[in-house]
Amino acid sequence: MTNITAIEVSIEALENECRAHDFTFMENPWRHRHWSNEYDRRAKIFTLLERLGHSSKAIEVYNTYAPDFAKRPLSSSYY
């Protein structure tokens, strides 16, 4: 598992992780290594979003790469 407390926090880091992430990894649980790597990457993406304060710029970057089922609203009472 990735150490998510020691990651670079920037919009560029978020964009790089989103670009590399397979958002459909949950559909292939039998490929354990792939599933595990993407699970860690998803945790890293969510940590970056949180540390960037769920800013509109961060959400826009996330939504650029996320498929429709994973997109986040730009404003929410949860963040």
C-alpha atoms as a PDB file:
ATOM      1  CA  MET A   1       0.000   0.000   0.000  1.00  0.00           C
ATOM      2  CA  THR A   2       1.184   3.500  -0.838  1.00  0.00           C
ATOM      3  CA  ASN A   3       2.195   5.840   1.956  1.00  0.00           C
ATOM      4  CA  ILE A   4      -0.400   8.528   1.330  1.00  0.00           C
ATOM      5  CA  THR A   5       0.974  10.814   4.039  1.00  0.00           C
ATOM      6  CA  ALA A   6       4.177  11.484   2.080  1.00  0.00           C
ATOM      7  CA  ILE A   7       2.809  12.442  -1.322  1.00  0.00           C
ATOM      8  CA  GLU A   8       3.369  15.587  -3.341  1.00  0.00           C
ATOM      9  CA  VAL A   9       0.258  17.735  -3.107  1.00  0.00           C
ATOM     10  CA  SER A  10      -0.358  19.743  -6.264  1.00  0.00           C
ATOM     11  CA  ILE A  11      -2.806  20.044  -9.110  1.00  0.00           C
ATOM     12  CA  GLU A  12      -0.145  18.547 -11.392  1.00  0.00           C
ATOM     13  CA  ALA A  13       0.235  15.499  -9.140  1.00  0.00           C
ATOM     14  CA  LEU A  14      -3.544  15.062  -9.117  1.00  0.00           C
ATOM     15  CA  GLU A  15      -3.683  15.314 -12.905  1.00  0.00           C
ATOM     16  CA  ASN A  16      -0.889  12.754 -13.318  1.00  0.00           C
ATOM     17  CA  GLU A  17      -2.630  10.275 -11.010  1.00  0.00           C
ATOM     18  CA  CYS A  18      -6.012  10.759 -12.695  1.00  0.00           C
ATOM     19  CA  ARG A  19      -4.479  10.378 -16.144  1.00  0.00           C
ATOM     20  CA  ALA A  20      -2.872   7.065 -15.136  1.00  0.00           C
ATOM     21  CA  HIS A  21      -5.850   5.703 -13.162  1.00  0.00           C
ATOM     22  CA  ASP A  22      -8.091   2.921 -14.500  1.00  0.00           C
ATOM     23  CA  PHE A  23     -11.480   4.066 -13.188  1.00  0.00           C
ATOM     24  CA  THR A  24     -13.054   0.724 -14.140  1.00  0.00           C
ATOM     25  CA  PHE A  25     -10.686  -1.404 -12.044  1.00  0.00           C
ATOM     26  CA  MET A  26     -13.497  -2.578  -9.752  1.00  0.00           C
ATOM     27  CA  GLU A  27     -14.967  -4.510 -12.683  1.00  0.00           C
ATOM     28  CA  ASN A  28     -11.899  -6.811 -12.776  1.00  0.00           C
ATOM     29  CA  PRO A  29     -11.347  -8.032  -9.195  1.00  0.00           C
ATOM     30  CA  TRP A  30      -9.794 -11.299 -10.430  1.00  0.00           C
ATOM     31  CA  ARG A  31      -6.699  -9.384 -11.622  1.00  0.00           C
ATOM     32  CA  HIS A  32      -5.414  -8.892  -8.084  1.00  0.00           C
ATOM     33  CA  ARG A  33      -2.188  -7.004  -8.787  1.00  0.00           C
ATOM     34  CA  HIS A  34      -3.947  -4.560 -11.107  1.00  0.00           C
ATOM     35  CA  TRP A  35      -6.850  -4.204  -8.677  1.00  0.00           C
ATOM     36  CA  SER A  36      -4.504  -3.584  -5.742  1.00  0.00           C
ATOM     37  CA  ASN A  37      -2.449  -0.982  -7.619  1.00  0.00           C
ATOM     38  CA  GLU A  38      -5.544   0.887  -8.789  1.00  0.00           C
ATOM     39  CA  TYR A  39      -7.113   0.708  -5.316  1.00  0.00           C
ATOM     40  CA  ASP A  40      -3.985   2.409  -3.935  1.00  0.00           C
ATOM     41  CA  ARG A  41      -4.054   4.974  -6.745  1.00  0.00           C
ATOM     42  CA  ARG A  42      -7.710   5.757  -6.003  1.00  0.00           C
ATOM     43  CA  ALA A  43      -6.841   6.321  -2.340  1.00  0.00           C
ATOM     44  CA  LYS A  44      -4.035   8.642  -3.416  1.00  0.00           C
ATOM     45  CA  ILE A  45      -6.389  10.595  -5.706  1.00  0.00           C
ATOM     46  CA  PHE A  46      -8.957  11.029  -2.933  1.00  0.00           C
ATOM     47  CA  THR A  47      -6.217  12.122  -0.518  1.00  0.00           C
ATOM     48  CA  LEU A  48      -4.979  14.681  -3.036  1.00  0.00           C
ATOM     49  CA  LEU A  49      -8.519  15.995  -3.506  1.00  0.00           C
ATOM     50  CA  GLU A  50      -8.922  16.322   0.244  1.00  0.00           C
ATOM     51  CA  ARG A  51      -5.577  18.051   0.746  1.00  0.00           C
ATOM     52  CA  LEU A  52      -6.336  20.426  -2.109  1.00  0.00           C
ATOM     53  CA  GLY A  53      -9.504  21.344  -0.236  1.00  0.00           C
ATOM     54  CA  HIS A  54     -11.817  19.919  -2.902  1.00  0.00           C
ATOM     55  CA  SER A  55     -11.207  23.171  -4.772  1.00  0.00           C
ATOM     56  CA  SER A  56     -13.127  23.740  -7.973  1.00  0.00           C
ATOM     57  CA  LYS A  57      -9.857  23.464  -9.940  1.00  0.00           C
ATOM     58  CA  ALA A  58      -9.061  20.087  -8.325  1.00  0.00           C
ATOM     59  CA  ILE A  59     -12.583  18.785  -8.998  1.00  0.00           C
ATOM     60  CA  GLU A  60     -12.386  20.009 -12.611  1.00  0.00           C
ATOM     61  CA  VAL A  61      -9.113  18.122 -13.117  1.00  0.00           C
ATOM     62  CA  TYR A  62     -10.601  14.971 -11.563  1.00  0.00           C
ATOM     63  CA  ASN A  63     -13.763  15.235 -13.690  1.00  0.00           C
ATOM     64  CA  THR A  64     -11.711  15.670 -16.865  1.00  0.00           C
ATOM     65  CA  TYR A  65     -10.413  12.103 -16.535  1.00  0.00           C
ATOM     66  CA  ALA A  66     -13.249  10.426 -14.640  1.00  0.00           C
ATOM     67  CA  PRO A  67     -15.981   8.596 -16.540  1.00  0.00           C
ATOM     68  CA  ASP A  68     -19.559   9.790 -15.998  1.00  0.00           C
ATOM     69  CA  PHE A  69     -20.247   7.356 -13.155  1.00  0.00           C
ATOM     70  CA  ALA A  70     -17.304   8.685 -11.120  1.00  0.00           C
ATOM     71  CA  LYS A  71     -17.595  12.446 -11.690  1.00  0.00           C
ATOM     72  CA  ARG A  72     -17.873  14.718  -8.642  1.00  0.00           C
ATOM     73  CA  PRO A  73     -20.131  17.765  -8.328  1.00  0.00           C
ATOM     74  CA  LEU A  74     -18.260  21.075  -8.279  1.00  0.00           C
ATOM     75  CA  SER A  75     -20.009  22.101  -5.077  1.00  0.00           C
ATOM     76  CA  SER A  76     -21.312  19.808  -2.391  1.00  0.00           C
ATOM     77  CA  SER A  77     -22.267  19.954   1.265  1.00  0.00           C
ATOM     78  CA  TYR A  78     -19.838  17.073   1.871  1.00  0.00           C
ATOM     79  CA  TYR A  79     -16.766  19.188   1.058  1.00  0.00           C
END
